[in-house]
Amino acid sequence: VSNTWFDEIGYFCNGYARVKLNRKWNFIDTIGKCVS
């Protein structure tokens, strides 16, 4: 889904998956784009 590999990742919930990288969290959409 993403070109980035993460330290942690969740499954999609309402279209977004939680991702952790370098101790910080964000979301990706189903095409792997960070939401924020």
PDB file of all heavy atoms in Angstrom:
ATOM      1  N   VAL A   1       0.836  -1.195   0.000  1.00  0.00           N
ATOM      2  CA  VAL A   1       0.000   0.000   0.000  1.00  0.00           C
ATOM      3  C   VAL A   1       0.873   1.248   0.000  1.00  0.00           C
ATOM      4  O   VAL A   1       0.596   2.207  -0.713  1.00  0.00           O
ATOM      5  CB  VAL A   1      -0.949  -0.014   1.213  1.00  0.00           C
ATOM      6  CG1 VAL A   1      -1.661   1.322   1.363  1.00  0.00           C
ATOM      7  CG2 VAL A   1      -1.951  -1.143   1.087  1.00  0.00           C
ATOM      8  N   SER A   2       1.932   1.229   0.786  1.00  0.00           N
ATOM      9  CA  SER A   2       2.782   2.409   0.930  1.00  0.00           C
ATOM     10  C   SER A   2       4.190   2.110   0.435  1.00  0.00           C
ATOM     11  O   SER A   2       4.663   0.979   0.534  1.00  0.00           O
ATOM     12  CB  SER A   2       2.836   2.821   2.403  1.00  0.00           C
ATOM     13  OG  SER A   2       3.724   3.907   2.587  1.00  0.00           O
ATOM     14  N   ASN A   3       4.864   3.138  -0.054  1.00  0.00           N
ATOM     15  CA  ASN A   3       6.282   3.007  -0.400  1.00  0.00           C
ATOM     16  C   ASN A   3       7.152   3.030   0.854  1.00  0.00           C
ATOM     17  O   ASN A   3       8.298   2.618   0.825  1.00  0.00           O
ATOM     18  CB  ASN A   3       6.716   4.126  -1.348  1.00  0.00           C
ATOM     19  CG  ASN A   3       6.085   3.984  -2.710  1.00  0.00           C
ATOM     20  OD1 ASN A   3       5.816   2.874  -3.169  1.00  0.00           O
ATOM     21  ND2 ASN A   3       5.808   5.101  -3.353  1.00  0.00           N
ATOM     22  N   THR A   4       6.592   3.541   1.957  1.00  0.00           N
ATOM     23  CA  THR A   4       7.294   3.613   3.234  1.00  0.00           C
ATOM     24  C   THR A   4       6.997   2.366   4.045  1.00  0.00           C
ATOM     25  O   THR A   4       5.868   1.891   4.075  1.00  0.00           O
ATOM     26  CB  THR A   4       6.837   4.857   4.027  1.00  0.00           C
ATOM     27  OG1 THR A   4       7.077   6.020   3.230  1.00  0.00           O
ATOM     28  CG2 THR A   4       7.577   4.971   5.348  1.00  0.00           C
ATOM     29  N   TRP A   5       8.012   1.839   4.709  1.00  0.00           N
ATOM     30  CA  TRP A   5       7.842   0.738   5.657  1.00  0.00           C
ATOM     31  C   TRP A   5       7.892   1.331   7.053  1.00  0.00           C
ATOM     32  O   TRP A   5       8.739   2.167   7.358  1.00  0.00           O
ATOM     33  CB  TRP A   5       8.934  -0.309   5.436  1.00  0.00           C
ATOM     34  CG  TRP A   5       8.677  -1.096   4.186  1.00  0.00           C
ATOM     35  CD1 TRP A   5       8.869  -0.682   2.897  1.00  0.00           C
ATOM     36  CD2 TRP A   5       8.138  -2.402   4.112  1.00  0.00           C
ATOM     37  NE1 TRP A   5       8.490  -1.664   2.015  1.00  0.00           N
ATOM     38  CE2 TRP A   5       8.037  -2.740   2.733  1.00  0.00           C
ATOM     39  CE3 TRP A   5       7.726  -3.335   5.058  1.00  0.00           C
ATOM     40  CZ2 TRP A   5       7.544  -3.961   2.306  1.00  0.00           C
ATOM     41  CZ3 TRP A   5       7.245  -4.560   4.623  1.00  0.00           C
ATOM     42  CH2 TRP A   5       7.150  -4.863   3.261  1.00  0.00           C
ATOM     43  N   PHE A   6       6.978   0.882   7.928  1.00  0.00           N
ATOM     44  CA  PHE A   6       6.749   1.517   9.221  1.00  0.00           C
ATOM     45  C   PHE A   6       7.205   0.633  10.378  1.00  0.00           C
ATOM     46  O   PHE A   6       7.360  -0.578  10.234  1.00  0.00           O
ATOM     47  CB  PHE A   6       5.263   1.842   9.369  1.00  0.00           C
ATOM     48  CG  PHE A   6       4.760   2.767   8.299  1.00  0.00           C
ATOM     49  CD1 PHE A   6       4.105   2.268   7.183  1.00  0.00           C
ATOM     50  CD2 PHE A   6       4.965   4.130   8.391  1.00  0.00           C
ATOM     51  CE1 PHE A   6       3.645   3.111   6.190  1.00  0.00           C
ATOM     52  CE2 PHE A   6       4.511   4.994   7.405  1.00  0.00           C
ATOM     53  CZ  PHE A   6       3.850   4.480   6.293  1.00  0.00           C
ATOM     54  N   ASP A   7       7.361   1.281  11.551  1.00  0.00           N
ATOM     55  CA  ASP A   7       7.694   0.543  12.768  1.00  0.00           C
ATOM     56  C   ASP A   7       6.481  -0.227  13.296  1.00  0.00           C
ATOM     57  O   ASP A   7       6.623  -1.305  13.851  1.00  0.00           O
ATOM     58  CB  ASP A   7       8.199   1.500  13.857  1.00  0.00           C
ATOM     59  CG  ASP A   7       9.455   2.238  13.424  1.00  0.00           C
ATOM     60  OD1 ASP A   7      10.290   1.645  12.704  1.00  0.00           O
ATOM     61  OD2 ASP A   7       9.608   3.425  13.804  1.00  0.00           O
ATOM     62  N   GLU A   8       5.300   0.351  13.135  1.00  0.00           N
ATOM     63  CA  GLU A   8       4.039  -0.298  13.492  1.00  0.00           C
ATOM     64  C   GLU A   8       3.000   0.135  12.481  1.00  0.00           C
ATOM     65  O   GLU A   8       3.090   1.219  11.894  1.00  0.00           O
ATOM     66  CB  GLU A   8       3.575   0.092  14.898  1.00  0.00           C
ATOM     67  CG  GLU A   8       4.434  -0.471  16.010  1.00  0.00           C
ATOM     68  CD  GLU A   8       3.858  -0.172  17.389  1.00  0.00           C
ATOM     69  OE1 GLU A   8       2.632  -0.274  17.558  1.00  0.00           O
ATOM     70  OE2 GLU A   8       4.666   0.161  18.275  1.00  0.00           O
ATOM     71  N   ILE A   9       1.995  -0.726  12.312  1.00  0.00           N
ATOM     72  CA  ILE A   9       0.910  -0.393  11.381  1.00  0.00           C
ATOM     73  C   ILE A   9      -0.353  -1.093  11.846  1.00  0.00           C
ATOM     74  O   ILE A   9      -0.303  -2.190  12.399  1.00  0.00           O
ATOM     75  CB  ILE A   9       1.289  -0.784   9.927  1.00  0.00           C
ATOM     76  CG1 ILE A   9       0.383  -0.121   8.909  1.00  0.00           C
ATOM     77  CG2 ILE A   9       1.321  -2.291   9.764  1.00  0.00           C
ATOM     78  CD1 ILE A   9       0.942  -0.149   7.491  1.00  0.00           C
ATOM     79  N   GLY A  10      -1.479  -0.422  11.657  1.00  0.00           N
ATOM     80  CA  GLY A  10      -2.772  -1.014  11.977  1.00  0.00           C
ATOM     81  C   GLY A  10      -3.533  -1.336  10.702  1.00  0.00           C
ATOM     82  O   GLY A  10      -3.117  -0.953   9.606  1.00  0.00           O
ATOM     83  N   TYR A  11      -4.636  -2.030  10.867  1.00  0.00           N
ATOM     84  CA  TYR A  11      -5.496  -2.290   9.711  1.00  0.00           C
ATOM     85  C   TYR A  11      -6.356  -1.074   9.433  1.00  0.00           C
ATOM     86  O   TYR A  11      -6.545  -0.215  10.286  1.00  0.00           O
ATOM     87  CB  TYR A  11      -6.362  -3.532   9.966  1.00  0.00           C
ATOM     88  CG  TYR A  11      -5.597  -4.796   9.713  1.00  0.00           C
ATOM     89  CD1 TYR A  11      -5.127  -5.577  10.757  1.00  0.00           C
ATOM     90  CD2 TYR A  11      -5.302  -5.191   8.412  1.00  0.00           C
ATOM     91  CE1 TYR A  11      -4.402  -6.721  10.513  1.00  0.00           C
ATOM     92  CE2 TYR A  11      -4.576  -6.326   8.163  1.00  0.00           C
ATOM     93  CZ  TYR A  11      -4.126  -7.091   9.209  1.00  0.00           C
ATOM     94  OH  TYR A  11      -3.393  -8.212   8.960  1.00  0.00           O
ATOM     95  N   PHE A  12      -6.896  -1.021   8.227  1.00  0.00           N
ATOM     96  CA  PHE A  12      -7.747   0.098   7.853  1.00  0.00           C
ATOM     97  C   PHE A  12      -9.028   0.087   8.674  1.00  0.00           C
ATOM     98  O   PHE A  12      -9.677  -0.940   8.837  1.00  0.00           O
ATOM     99  CB  PHE A  12      -8.068   0.062   6.357  1.00  0.00           C
ATOM    100  CG  PHE A  12      -6.910   0.481   5.509  1.00  0.00           C
ATOM    101  CD1 PHE A  12      -6.175  -0.450   4.811  1.00  0.00           C
ATOM    102  CD2 PHE A  12      -6.546   1.814   5.432  1.00  0.00           C
ATOM    103  CE1 PHE A  12      -5.097  -0.070   4.042  1.00  0.00           C
ATOM    104  CE2 PHE A  12      -5.467   2.209   4.664  1.00  0.00           C
ATOM    105  CZ  PHE A  12      -4.747   1.265   3.969  1.00  0.00           C
ATOM    106  N   CYS A  13      -9.349   1.255   9.185  1.00  0.00           N
ATOM    107  CA  CYS A  13     -10.573   1.470   9.945  1.00  0.00           C
ATOM    108  C   CYS A  13     -11.190   2.749   9.389  1.00  0.00           C
ATOM    109  O   CYS A  13     -10.556   3.811   9.455  1.00  0.00           O
ATOM    110  CB  CYS A  13     -10.238   1.602  11.431  1.00  0.00           C
ATOM    111  SG  CYS A  13     -11.648   1.940  12.478  1.00  0.00           S
ATOM    112  N   ASN A  14     -12.338   2.626   8.785  1.00  0.00           N
ATOM    113  CA  ASN A  14     -13.008   3.767   8.150  1.00  0.00           C
ATOM    114  C   ASN A  14     -12.114   4.446   7.112  1.00  0.00           C
ATOM    115  O   ASN A  14     -12.097   5.673   6.987  1.00  0.00           O
ATOM    116  CB  ASN A  14     -13.480   4.770   9.210  1.00  0.00           C
ATOM    117  CG  ASN A  14     -14.539   4.180  10.114  1.00  0.00           C
ATOM    118  OD1 ASN A  14     -15.517   3.617   9.627  1.00  0.00           O
ATOM    119  ND2 ASN A  14     -14.345   4.270  11.413  1.00  0.00           N
ATOM    120  N   GLY A  15     -11.341   3.642   6.390  1.00  0.00           N
ATOM    121  CA  GLY A  15     -10.548   4.160   5.273  1.00  0.00           C
ATOM    122  C   GLY A  15      -9.127   4.584   5.588  1.00  0.00           C
ATOM    123  O   GLY A  15      -8.391   4.989   4.689  1.00  0.00           O
ATOM    124  N   TYR A  16      -8.720   4.492   6.866  1.00  0.00           N
ATOM    125  CA  TYR A  16      -7.386   4.940   7.249  1.00  0.00           C
ATOM    126  C   TYR A  16      -6.724   3.927   8.177  1.00  0.00           C
ATOM    127  O   TYR A  16      -7.380   3.326   9.020  1.00  0.00           O
ATOM    128  CB  TYR A  16      -7.448   6.301   7.951  1.00  0.00           C
ATOM    129  CG  TYR A  16      -8.073   7.363   7.094  1.00  0.00           C
ATOM    130  CD1 TYR A  16      -9.410   7.691   7.247  1.00  0.00           C
ATOM    131  CD2 TYR A  16      -7.322   8.007   6.119  1.00  0.00           C
ATOM    132  CE1 TYR A  16      -9.998   8.649   6.441  1.00  0.00           C
ATOM    133  CE2 TYR A  16      -7.897   8.964   5.308  1.00  0.00           C
ATOM    134  CZ  TYR A  16      -9.241   9.277   5.462  1.00  0.00           C
ATOM    135  OH  TYR A  16      -9.811  10.217   4.660  1.00  0.00           O
ATOM    136  N   ALA A  17      -5.414   3.773   8.016  1.00  0.00           N
ATOM    137  CA  ALA A  17      -4.639   2.892   8.895  1.00  0.00           C
ATOM    138  C   ALA A  17      -3.657   3.736   9.698  1.00  0.00           C
ATOM    139  O   ALA A  17      -3.006   4.633   9.159  1.00  0.00           O
ATOM    140  CB  ALA A  17      -3.883   1.852   8.070  1.00  0.00           C
ATOM    141  N   ARG A  18      -3.572   3.420  10.990  1.00  0.00           N
ATOM    142  CA  ARG A  18      -2.604   4.096  11.860  1.00  0.00           C
ATOM    143  C   ARG A  18      -1.207   3.554  11.533  1.00  0.00           C
ATOM    144  O   ARG A  18      -1.039   2.359  11.349  1.00  0.00           O
ATOM    145  CB  ARG A  18      -2.920   3.852  13.326  1.00  0.00           C
ATOM    146  CG  ARG A  18      -4.259   4.361  13.743  1.00  0.00           C
ATOM    147  CD  ARG A  18      -4.629   4.106  15.196  1.00  0.00           C
ATOM    148  NE  ARG A  18      -4.219   2.798  15.669  1.00  0.00           N
ATOM    149  CZ  ARG A  18      -3.605   2.578  16.831  1.00  0.00           C
ATOM    150  NH1 ARG A  18      -3.329   3.566  17.648  1.00  0.00           N
ATOM    151  NH2 ARG A  18      -3.284   1.368  17.208  1.00  0.00           N
ATOM    152  N   VAL A  19      -0.218   4.439  11.480  1.00  0.00           N
ATOM    153  CA  VAL A  19       1.165   4.035  11.219  1.00  0.00           C
ATOM    154  C   VAL A  19       2.091   4.752  12.182  1.00  0.00           C
ATOM    155  O   VAL A  19       1.843   5.893  12.585  1.00  0.00           O
ATOM    156  CB  VAL A  19       1.587   4.330   9.757  1.00  0.00           C
ATOM    157  CG1 VAL A  19       0.808   3.469   8.778  1.00  0.00           C
ATOM    158  CG2 VAL A  19       1.451   5.806   9.406  1.00  0.00           C
ATOM    159  N   LYS A  20       3.156   4.050  12.567  1.00  0.00           N
ATOM    160  CA  LYS A  20       4.147   4.628  13.476  1.00  0.00           C
ATOM    161  C   LYS A  20       5.509   4.559  12.797  1.00  0.00           C
ATOM    162  O   LYS A  20       5.903   3.525  12.258  1.00  0.00           O
ATOM    163  CB  LYS A  20       4.183   3.845  14.782  1.00  0.00           C
ATOM    164  CG  LYS A  20       5.159   4.392  15.798  1.00  0.00           C
ATOM    165  CD  LYS A  20       5.140   3.559  17.062  1.00  0.00           C
ATOM    166  CE  LYS A  20       6.077   4.092  18.115  1.00  0.00           C
ATOM    167  NZ  LYS A  20       6.112   3.212  19.299  1.00  0.00           N
ATOM    168  N   LEU A  21       6.227   5.685  12.869  1.00  0.00           N
ATOM    169  CA  LEU A  21       7.572   5.768  12.314  1.00  0.00           C
ATOM    170  C   LEU A  21       8.388   6.693  13.202  1.00  0.00           C
ATOM    171  O   LEU A  21       7.953   7.820  13.487  1.00  0.00           O
ATOM    172  CB  LEU A  21       7.525   6.282  10.870  1.00  0.00           C
ATOM    173  CG  LEU A  21       8.829   6.257  10.093  1.00  0.00           C
ATOM    174  CD1 LEU A  21       9.368   4.833   9.942  1.00  0.00           C
ATOM    175  CD2 LEU A  21       8.616   6.857   8.703  1.00  0.00           C
ATOM    176  N   ASN A  22       9.524   6.221  13.648  1.00  0.00           N
ATOM    177  CA  ASN A  22      10.403   7.029  14.506  1.00  0.00           C
ATOM    178  C   ASN A  22       9.659   7.585  15.715  1.00  0.00           C
ATOM    179  O   ASN A  22       9.755   8.769  16.028  1.00  0.00           O
ATOM    180  CB  ASN A  22      11.062   8.154  13.703  1.00  0.00           C
ATOM    181  CG  ASN A  22      11.871   7.601  12.549  1.00  0.00           C
ATOM    182  OD1 ASN A  22      12.515   6.563  12.663  1.00  0.00           O
ATOM    183  ND2 ASN A  22      11.813   8.298  11.412  1.00  0.00           N
ATOM    184  N   ARG A  23       8.880   6.732  16.368  1.00  0.00           N
ATOM    185  CA  ARG A  23       8.164   7.052  17.608  1.00  0.00           C
ATOM    186  C   ARG A  23       7.009   8.030  17.438  1.00  0.00           C
ATOM    187  O   ARG A  23       6.469   8.547  18.413  1.00  0.00           O
ATOM    188  CB  ARG A  23       9.114   7.559  18.688  1.00  0.00           C
ATOM    189  CG  ARG A  23      10.156   6.555  19.077  1.00  0.00           C
ATOM    190  CD  ARG A  23      10.975   7.086  20.211  1.00  0.00           C
ATOM    191  NE  ARG A  23      12.030   6.114  20.514  1.00  0.00           N
ATOM    192  CZ  ARG A  23      13.024   6.349  21.314  1.00  0.00           C
ATOM    193  NH1 ARG A  23      13.144   7.511  21.901  1.00  0.00           N
ATOM    194  NH2 ARG A  23      13.932   5.418  21.538  1.00  0.00           N
ATOM    195  N   LYS A  24       6.630   8.341  16.237  1.00  0.00           N
ATOM    196  CA  LYS A  24       5.510   9.254  15.987  1.00  0.00           C
ATOM    197  C   LYS A  24       4.470   8.542  15.119  1.00  0.00           C
ATOM    198  O   LYS A  24       4.797   7.645  14.338  1.00  0.00           O
ATOM    199  CB  LYS A  24       5.982  10.531  15.280  1.00  0.00           C
ATOM    200  CG  LYS A  24       6.901  11.397  16.127  1.00  0.00           C
ATOM    201  CD  LYS A  24       6.138  12.024  17.274  1.00  0.00           C
ATOM    202  CE  LYS A  24       7.017  13.013  18.049  1.00  0.00           C
ATOM    203  NZ  LYS A  24       6.273  13.719  19.073  1.00  0.00           N
ATOM    204  N   TRP A  25       3.220   9.005  15.246  1.00  0.00           N
ATOM    205  CA  TRP A  25       2.085   8.366  14.581  1.00  0.00           C
ATOM    206  C   TRP A  25       1.443   9.289  13.551  1.00  0.00           C
ATOM    207  O   TRP A  25       1.450  10.503  13.691  1.00  0.00           O
ATOM    208  CB  TRP A  25       1.028   7.992  15.617  1.00  0.00           C
ATOM    209  CG  TRP A  25       1.457   6.879  16.515  1.00  0.00           C
ATOM    210  CD1 TRP A  25       2.158   6.981  17.677  1.00  0.00           C
ATOM    211  CD2 TRP A  25       1.209   5.490  16.322  1.00  0.00           C
ATOM    212  NE1 TRP A  25       2.364   5.746  18.225  1.00  0.00           N
ATOM    213  CE2 TRP A  25       1.779   4.797  17.414  1.00  0.00           C
ATOM    214  CE3 TRP A  25       0.546   4.749  15.349  1.00  0.00           C
ATOM    215  CZ2 TRP A  25       1.714   3.427  17.550  1.00  0.00           C
ATOM    216  CZ3 TRP A  25       0.472   3.372  15.482  1.00  0.00           C
ATOM    217  CH2 TRP A  25       1.061   2.727  16.570  1.00  0.00           C
ATOM    218  N   ASN A  26       0.858   8.639  12.541  1.00  0.00           N
ATOM    219  CA  ASN A  26       0.108   9.322  11.507  1.00  0.00           C
ATOM    220  C   ASN A  26      -0.911   8.319  10.968  1.00  0.00           C
ATOM    221  O   ASN A  26      -1.047   7.224  11.502  1.00  0.00           O
ATOM    222  CB  ASN A  26       1.056   9.807  10.398  1.00  0.00           C
ATOM    223  CG  ASN A  26       0.522  10.994   9.624  1.00  0.00           C
ATOM    224  OD1 ASN A  26      -0.680  11.184   9.487  1.00  0.00           O
ATOM    225  ND2 ASN A  26       1.440  11.796   9.107  1.00  0.00           N
ATOM    226  N   PHE A  27      -1.555   8.673   9.894  1.00  0.00           N
ATOM    227  CA  PHE A  27      -2.473   7.782   9.196  1.00  0.00           C
ATOM    228  C   PHE A  27      -2.081   7.715   7.738  1.00  0.00           C
ATOM    229  O   PHE A  27      -1.561   8.689   7.185  1.00  0.00           O
ATOM    230  CB  PHE A  27      -3.915   8.316   9.242  1.00  0.00           C
ATOM    231  CG  PHE A  27      -4.502   8.359  10.605  1.00  0.00           C
ATOM    232  CD1 PHE A  27      -4.461   9.524  11.349  1.00  0.00           C
ATOM    233  CD2 PHE A  27      -5.121   7.248  11.143  1.00  0.00           C
ATOM    234  CE1 PHE A  27      -5.019   9.580  12.613  1.00  0.00           C
ATOM    235  CE2 PHE A  27      -5.688   7.290  12.409  1.00  0.00           C
ATOM    236  CZ  PHE A  27      -5.631   8.464  13.139  1.00  0.00           C
ATOM    237  N   ILE A  28      -2.347   6.586   7.113  1.00  0.00           N
ATOM    238  CA  ILE A  28      -2.264   6.499   5.653  1.00  0.00           C
ATOM    239  C   ILE A  28      -3.644   6.127   5.139  1.00  0.00           C
ATOM    240  O   ILE A  28      -4.439   5.484   5.830  1.00  0.00           O
ATOM    241  CB  ILE A  28      -1.212   5.477   5.160  1.00  0.00           C
ATOM    242  CG1 ILE A  28      -1.497   4.071   5.700  1.00  0.00           C
ATOM    243  CG2 ILE A  28       0.202   5.952   5.481  1.00  0.00           C
ATOM    244  CD1 ILE A  28      -0.636   2.974   5.049  1.00  0.00           C
ATOM    245  N   ASP A  29      -3.910   6.552   3.907  1.00  0.00           N
ATOM    246  CA  ASP A  29      -5.150   6.135   3.258  1.00  0.00           C
ATOM    247  C   ASP A  29      -4.874   4.867   2.450  1.00  0.00           C
ATOM    248  O   ASP A  29      -3.757   4.332   2.486  1.00  0.00           O
ATOM    249  CB  ASP A  29      -5.723   7.268   2.402  1.00  0.00           C
ATOM    250  CG  ASP A  29      -4.798   7.735   1.294  1.00  0.00           C
ATOM    251  OD1 ASP A  29      -3.847   7.006   0.926  1.00  0.00           O
ATOM    252  OD2 ASP A  29      -5.022   8.843   0.781  1.00  0.00           O
ATOM    253  N   THR A  30      -5.846   4.386   1.730  1.00  0.00           N
ATOM    254  CA  THR A  30      -5.713   3.105   1.025  1.00  0.00           C
ATOM    255  C   THR A  30      -4.770   3.155  -0.177  1.00  0.00           C
ATOM    256  O   THR A  30      -4.465   2.114  -0.745  1.00  0.00           O
ATOM    257  CB  THR A  30      -7.086   2.573   0.569  1.00  0.00           C
ATOM    258  OG1 THR A  30      -7.720   3.553  -0.249  1.00  0.00           O
ATOM    259  CG2 THR A  30      -7.958   2.233   1.769  1.00  0.00           C
ATOM    260  N   ILE A  31      -4.301   4.340  -0.534  1.00  0.00           N
ATOM    261  CA  ILE A  31      -3.272   4.421  -1.581  1.00  0.00           C
ATOM    262  C   ILE A  31      -1.902   4.736  -0.978  1.00  0.00           C
ATOM    263  O   ILE A  31      -0.948   5.027  -1.692  1.00  0.00           O
ATOM    264  CB  ILE A  31      -3.633   5.420  -2.707  1.00  0.00           C
ATOM    265  CG1 ILE A  31      -3.830   6.834  -2.161  1.00  0.00           C
ATOM    266  CG2 ILE A  31      -4.855   4.954  -3.465  1.00  0.00           C
ATOM    267  CD1 ILE A  31      -3.956   7.891  -3.246  1.00  0.00           C
ATOM    268  N   GLY A  32      -1.810   4.683   0.364  1.00  0.00           N
ATOM    269  CA  GLY A  32      -0.527   4.823   1.041  1.00  0.00           C
ATOM    270  C   GLY A  32      -0.091   6.238   1.325  1.00  0.00           C
ATOM    271  O   GLY A  32       1.024   6.464   1.797  1.00  0.00           O
ATOM    272  N   LYS A  33      -0.954   7.212   1.070  1.00  0.00           N
ATOM    273  CA  LYS A  33      -0.599   8.621   1.287  1.00  0.00           C
ATOM    274  C   LYS A  33      -0.868   8.995   2.737  1.00  0.00           C
ATOM    275  O   LYS A  33      -1.920   8.703   3.296  1.00  0.00           O
ATOM    276  CB  LYS A  33      -1.430   9.508   0.359  1.00  0.00           C
ATOM    277  CG  LYS A  33      -1.068  10.966   0.456  1.00  0.00           C
ATOM    278  CD  LYS A  33      -1.867  11.782  -0.548  1.00  0.00           C
ATOM    279  CE  LYS A  33      -1.414  13.214  -0.452  1.00  0.00           C
ATOM    280  NZ  LYS A  33      -2.458  14.127  -0.119  1.00  0.00           N
ATOM    281  N   CYS A  34       0.115   9.671   3.362  1.00  0.00           N
ATOM    282  CA  CYS A  34      -0.078  10.175   4.722  1.00  0.00           C
ATOM    283  C   CYS A  34      -1.177  11.223   4.731  1.00  0.00           C
ATOM    284  O   CYS A  34      -1.241  12.087   3.855  1.00  0.00           O
ATOM    285  CB  CYS A  34       1.211  10.777   5.274  1.00  0.00           C
ATOM    286  SG  CYS A  34       2.362   9.547   5.897  1.00  0.00           S
ATOM    287  N   VAL A  35      -2.034  11.158   5.736  1.00  0.00           N
ATOM    288  CA  VAL A  35      -3.161  12.064   5.853  1.00  0.00           C
ATOM    289  C   VAL A  35      -2.713  13.453   6.296  1.00  0.00           C
ATOM    290  O   VAL A  35      -3.232  14.467   5.854  1.00  0.00           O
ATOM    291  CB  VAL A  35      -4.194  11.485   6.848  1.00  0.00           C
ATOM    292  CG1 VAL A  35      -5.290  12.478   7.159  1.00  0.00           C
ATOM    293  CG2 VAL A  35      -4.772  10.201   6.290  1.00  0.00           C
ATOM    294  N   SER A  36      -1.698  13.502   7.153  1.00  0.00           N
ATOM    295  CA  SER A  36      -1.262  14.768   7.728  1.00  0.00           C
ATOM    296  C   SER A  36       0.235  14.954   7.520  1.00  0.00           C
ATOM    297  O   SER A  36       0.987  13.985   7.492  1.00  0.00           O
ATOM    298  CB  SER A  36      -1.578  14.770   9.233  1.00  0.00           C
ATOM    299  OG  SER A  36      -1.046  15.922   9.851  1.00  0.00           O
TER     300      SER A  36
END
